[in-house]
N, C-alpha and C. Protein backbone atom coordinates (compact mmCIF):
# COMPACT_ATOMS: atom_id res chain seq x y z
N UNK A 1 -7.65 -16.74 -35.73
CA UNK A 1 -8.91 -17.30 -36.14
C UNK A 1 -9.71 -17.63 -34.89
N UNK A 2 -11.01 -17.41 -34.98
CA UNK A 2 -11.91 -17.79 -33.90
C UNK A 2 -13.04 -18.64 -34.47
N UNK A 3 -13.60 -19.53 -33.64
CA UNK A 3 -14.74 -20.35 -34.01
C UNK A 3 -15.81 -20.14 -32.94
N UNK A 4 -17.09 -20.09 -33.35
CA UNK A 4 -18.11 -19.64 -32.43
C UNK A 4 -19.37 -20.49 -32.42
N UNK A 5 -20.15 -20.33 -31.36
CA UNK A 5 -21.46 -20.96 -31.25
C UNK A 5 -22.46 -20.35 -32.22
N UNK A 6 -22.12 -19.21 -32.83
CA UNK A 6 -23.03 -18.61 -33.81
C UNK A 6 -22.91 -19.27 -35.18
N UNK A 7 -22.07 -20.33 -35.29
CA UNK A 7 -21.93 -21.06 -36.54
C UNK A 7 -20.94 -20.46 -37.51
N UNK A 8 -20.16 -19.49 -37.07
CA UNK A 8 -19.17 -18.87 -37.94
C UNK A 8 -17.77 -19.05 -37.39
N UNK A 9 -16.80 -18.96 -38.28
CA UNK A 9 -15.40 -18.77 -37.91
C UNK A 9 -15.02 -17.40 -38.46
N UNK A 10 -14.10 -16.76 -37.82
CA UNK A 10 -13.66 -15.44 -38.29
C UNK A 10 -12.14 -15.42 -38.36
N UNK A 11 -11.66 -14.85 -39.43
CA UNK A 11 -10.21 -14.68 -39.62
C UNK A 11 -9.88 -13.23 -39.31
N UNK A 12 -8.80 -13.05 -38.57
CA UNK A 12 -8.44 -11.72 -38.07
C UNK A 12 -7.02 -11.36 -38.48
N UNK A 13 -6.79 -10.08 -38.66
CA UNK A 13 -5.45 -9.54 -38.81
C UNK A 13 -4.87 -9.46 -37.40
N UNK A 14 -3.88 -10.29 -37.11
CA UNK A 14 -3.36 -10.38 -35.75
C UNK A 14 -2.69 -9.09 -35.29
N UNK A 15 -2.13 -8.31 -36.20
CA UNK A 15 -1.46 -7.08 -35.80
C UNK A 15 -2.43 -5.95 -35.54
N UNK A 16 -3.41 -5.78 -36.42
CA UNK A 16 -4.34 -4.67 -36.27
C UNK A 16 -5.66 -5.05 -35.66
N UNK A 17 -5.87 -6.34 -35.39
CA UNK A 17 -7.10 -6.87 -34.81
C UNK A 17 -8.32 -6.60 -35.68
N UNK A 18 -8.12 -6.38 -36.97
CA UNK A 18 -9.24 -6.16 -37.89
C UNK A 18 -9.77 -7.50 -38.37
N UNK A 19 -11.09 -7.58 -38.51
CA UNK A 19 -11.71 -8.78 -39.05
C UNK A 19 -11.47 -8.82 -40.56
N UNK A 20 -10.93 -9.95 -41.04
CA UNK A 20 -10.64 -10.10 -42.46
C UNK A 20 -11.77 -10.81 -43.21
N UNK A 21 -12.25 -11.92 -42.64
CA UNK A 21 -13.30 -12.70 -43.29
C UNK A 21 -14.19 -13.36 -42.24
N UNK A 22 -15.47 -13.48 -42.57
CA UNK A 22 -16.40 -14.27 -41.77
C UNK A 22 -16.70 -15.52 -42.59
N UNK A 23 -16.42 -16.69 -42.03
CA UNK A 23 -16.67 -17.96 -42.71
C UNK A 23 -18.02 -18.46 -42.22
N UNK A 24 -19.05 -18.26 -43.02
CA UNK A 24 -20.40 -18.64 -42.58
C UNK A 24 -21.00 -19.63 -43.56
N UNK A 25 -21.82 -20.51 -43.03
CA UNK A 25 -22.45 -21.53 -43.84
C UNK A 25 -22.88 -22.73 -43.02
N UNK A 26 -22.24 -22.94 -41.87
CA UNK A 26 -22.63 -24.03 -40.99
C UNK A 26 -24.00 -23.73 -40.38
N UNK A 27 -24.73 -24.79 -40.08
CA UNK A 27 -26.06 -24.63 -39.50
C UNK A 27 -26.11 -24.79 -37.99
N UNK A 28 -24.96 -24.88 -37.35
CA UNK A 28 -24.93 -25.08 -35.89
C UNK A 28 -23.56 -24.63 -35.37
N UNK A 29 -23.33 -24.80 -34.09
CA UNK A 29 -22.09 -24.39 -33.42
C UNK A 29 -20.87 -24.96 -34.13
N UNK A 30 -19.79 -24.21 -34.11
CA UNK A 30 -18.50 -24.74 -34.55
C UNK A 30 -17.78 -25.34 -33.35
N UNK A 31 -17.22 -26.51 -33.55
CA UNK A 31 -16.48 -27.19 -32.49
C UNK A 31 -14.98 -27.00 -32.62
N UNK A 32 -14.51 -26.77 -33.84
CA UNK A 32 -13.07 -26.70 -34.06
C UNK A 32 -12.79 -26.01 -35.39
N UNK A 33 -11.61 -25.45 -35.49
CA UNK A 33 -11.13 -24.86 -36.74
C UNK A 33 -9.61 -25.02 -36.77
N UNK A 34 -9.05 -25.23 -37.96
CA UNK A 34 -7.60 -25.45 -38.06
C UNK A 34 -7.07 -24.91 -39.39
N UNK A 35 -5.91 -24.27 -39.31
CA UNK A 35 -5.20 -23.82 -40.51
C UNK A 35 -4.49 -25.01 -41.15
N UNK A 36 -4.36 -25.00 -42.47
CA UNK A 36 -3.50 -25.99 -43.12
C UNK A 36 -2.05 -25.57 -42.91
N UNK A 37 -1.11 -26.42 -43.26
CA UNK A 37 0.31 -26.15 -43.03
C UNK A 37 0.85 -24.94 -43.76
N UNK A 38 0.26 -24.58 -44.90
CA UNK A 38 0.73 -23.44 -45.67
C UNK A 38 0.04 -22.14 -45.27
N UNK A 39 -1.01 -22.24 -44.47
CA UNK A 39 -1.75 -21.04 -44.06
C UNK A 39 -2.66 -20.50 -45.14
N UNK A 40 -3.01 -21.33 -46.11
CA UNK A 40 -3.86 -20.86 -47.22
C UNK A 40 -5.29 -21.35 -47.14
N UNK A 41 -5.54 -22.37 -46.31
CA UNK A 41 -6.88 -22.91 -46.16
C UNK A 41 -7.20 -23.13 -44.68
N UNK A 42 -8.49 -23.12 -44.40
CA UNK A 42 -8.99 -23.36 -43.04
C UNK A 42 -10.02 -24.47 -43.12
N UNK A 43 -9.99 -25.39 -42.16
CA UNK A 43 -11.02 -26.42 -42.02
C UNK A 43 -11.83 -26.11 -40.77
N UNK A 44 -13.16 -26.28 -40.86
CA UNK A 44 -14.02 -26.08 -39.70
C UNK A 44 -14.87 -27.33 -39.47
N UNK A 45 -15.22 -27.58 -38.21
CA UNK A 45 -16.04 -28.73 -37.82
C UNK A 45 -17.22 -28.22 -37.01
N UNK A 46 -18.41 -28.80 -37.26
CA UNK A 46 -19.62 -28.27 -36.64
C UNK A 46 -20.54 -29.36 -36.12
N UNK A 47 -21.40 -28.95 -35.17
CA UNK A 47 -22.47 -29.82 -34.68
C UNK A 47 -23.47 -30.13 -35.77
N UNK A 48 -23.45 -29.40 -36.89
CA UNK A 48 -24.41 -29.68 -37.98
C UNK A 48 -24.06 -30.94 -38.75
N UNK A 49 -22.97 -31.64 -38.36
CA UNK A 49 -22.58 -32.89 -39.00
C UNK A 49 -21.69 -32.73 -40.21
N UNK A 50 -21.21 -31.50 -40.46
CA UNK A 50 -20.32 -31.27 -41.60
C UNK A 50 -18.98 -30.71 -41.16
N UNK A 51 -18.01 -30.87 -42.03
CA UNK A 51 -16.75 -30.15 -41.96
C UNK A 51 -16.67 -29.38 -43.27
N UNK A 52 -16.02 -28.25 -43.24
CA UNK A 52 -15.91 -27.41 -44.44
C UNK A 52 -14.48 -26.94 -44.60
N UNK A 53 -14.09 -26.76 -45.85
CA UNK A 53 -12.77 -26.23 -46.19
C UNK A 53 -12.98 -24.86 -46.82
N UNK A 54 -12.17 -23.91 -46.41
CA UNK A 54 -12.31 -22.52 -46.84
C UNK A 54 -10.98 -22.00 -47.39
N UNK A 55 -11.04 -21.10 -48.34
CA UNK A 55 -9.87 -20.37 -48.82
C UNK A 55 -9.60 -19.25 -47.83
N UNK A 56 -8.46 -19.25 -47.17
CA UNK A 56 -8.15 -18.26 -46.15
C UNK A 56 -7.95 -16.86 -46.73
N UNK A 57 -7.53 -16.78 -47.98
CA UNK A 57 -7.29 -15.48 -48.59
C UNK A 57 -8.56 -14.74 -48.99
N UNK A 58 -9.58 -15.50 -49.38
CA UNK A 58 -10.82 -14.89 -49.86
C UNK A 58 -12.01 -15.11 -48.93
N UNK A 59 -11.92 -16.12 -48.06
CA UNK A 59 -13.04 -16.48 -47.21
C UNK A 59 -14.08 -17.33 -47.92
N UNK A 60 -13.79 -17.74 -49.15
CA UNK A 60 -14.73 -18.52 -49.94
C UNK A 60 -14.74 -19.99 -49.49
N UNK A 61 -15.95 -20.55 -49.38
CA UNK A 61 -16.09 -21.96 -49.06
C UNK A 61 -15.68 -22.78 -50.28
N UNK A 62 -14.79 -23.76 -50.07
CA UNK A 62 -14.29 -24.59 -51.16
C UNK A 62 -14.96 -25.95 -51.22
N UNK A 63 -15.16 -26.59 -50.07
CA UNK A 63 -15.69 -27.96 -50.02
C UNK A 63 -16.55 -28.11 -48.76
N UNK A 64 -17.66 -28.85 -48.90
CA UNK A 64 -18.45 -29.28 -47.74
C UNK A 64 -18.29 -30.80 -47.64
N UNK A 65 -17.81 -31.26 -46.51
CA UNK A 65 -17.62 -32.69 -46.26
C UNK A 65 -18.83 -33.20 -45.48
N UNK A 66 -19.62 -34.08 -46.10
CA UNK A 66 -20.85 -34.57 -45.50
C UNK A 66 -20.78 -36.08 -45.29
N UNK A 67 -21.68 -36.61 -44.48
CA UNK A 67 -21.76 -38.04 -44.27
C UNK A 67 -21.87 -38.43 -42.81
N UNK A 68 -21.41 -37.58 -41.91
CA UNK A 68 -21.55 -37.88 -40.48
C UNK A 68 -23.01 -37.76 -40.08
N UNK A 69 -23.44 -38.58 -39.16
CA UNK A 69 -24.82 -38.53 -38.70
C UNK A 69 -24.97 -37.74 -37.40
N UNK A 70 -23.85 -37.31 -36.85
CA UNK A 70 -23.86 -36.46 -35.66
C UNK A 70 -22.82 -35.37 -35.86
N UNK A 71 -22.66 -34.53 -34.86
CA UNK A 71 -21.73 -33.42 -34.96
C UNK A 71 -20.30 -33.87 -35.20
N UNK A 72 -19.56 -33.05 -35.92
CA UNK A 72 -18.12 -33.28 -36.15
C UNK A 72 -17.39 -32.48 -35.08
N UNK A 73 -16.54 -33.16 -34.31
CA UNK A 73 -15.93 -32.53 -33.14
C UNK A 73 -14.59 -31.88 -33.41
N UNK A 74 -13.77 -32.46 -34.30
CA UNK A 74 -12.42 -31.96 -34.51
C UNK A 74 -12.06 -32.00 -35.99
N UNK A 75 -11.12 -31.14 -36.37
CA UNK A 75 -10.50 -31.18 -37.70
C UNK A 75 -9.00 -31.07 -37.54
N UNK A 76 -8.27 -31.66 -38.47
CA UNK A 76 -6.80 -31.59 -38.47
C UNK A 76 -6.31 -31.77 -39.89
N UNK A 77 -5.17 -31.23 -40.19
CA UNK A 77 -4.55 -31.38 -41.49
C UNK A 77 -3.42 -32.38 -41.38
N UNK A 78 -3.21 -33.15 -42.42
CA UNK A 78 -2.09 -34.10 -42.48
C UNK A 78 -1.12 -33.62 -43.55
N UNK A 79 0.13 -33.57 -43.22
CA UNK A 79 1.16 -33.15 -44.15
C UNK A 79 1.33 -34.19 -45.25
N UNK A 80 1.56 -33.73 -46.47
CA UNK A 80 1.81 -34.62 -47.59
C UNK A 80 3.27 -35.03 -47.68
N UNK A 81 4.11 -34.37 -46.88
CA UNK A 81 5.53 -34.68 -46.89
C UNK A 81 5.79 -36.04 -46.24
N UNK A 82 6.62 -36.80 -46.87
CA UNK A 82 7.00 -38.10 -46.30
C UNK A 82 8.51 -38.20 -46.29
N UNK A 83 9.03 -38.67 -45.19
CA UNK A 83 10.47 -38.68 -45.04
C UNK A 83 11.13 -39.96 -45.17
């Protein structure tokens, strides 16, 4: 996965280097992107003040997280497992 100043993240086939999906919708640079623990979703963070959740299999945007008044710098997933 790559995140770019063009406001997109891209998912790639690591073996063949083919582009699988372009995750577009942010209105500014992406600062960070992270896979969830299962590898089925991607979270992105942008200077546009939003974070977004995407379906990694389809590239479809699932959720837009709004409320920040400035850019979102980082995203991370928290495991639901408790020991």
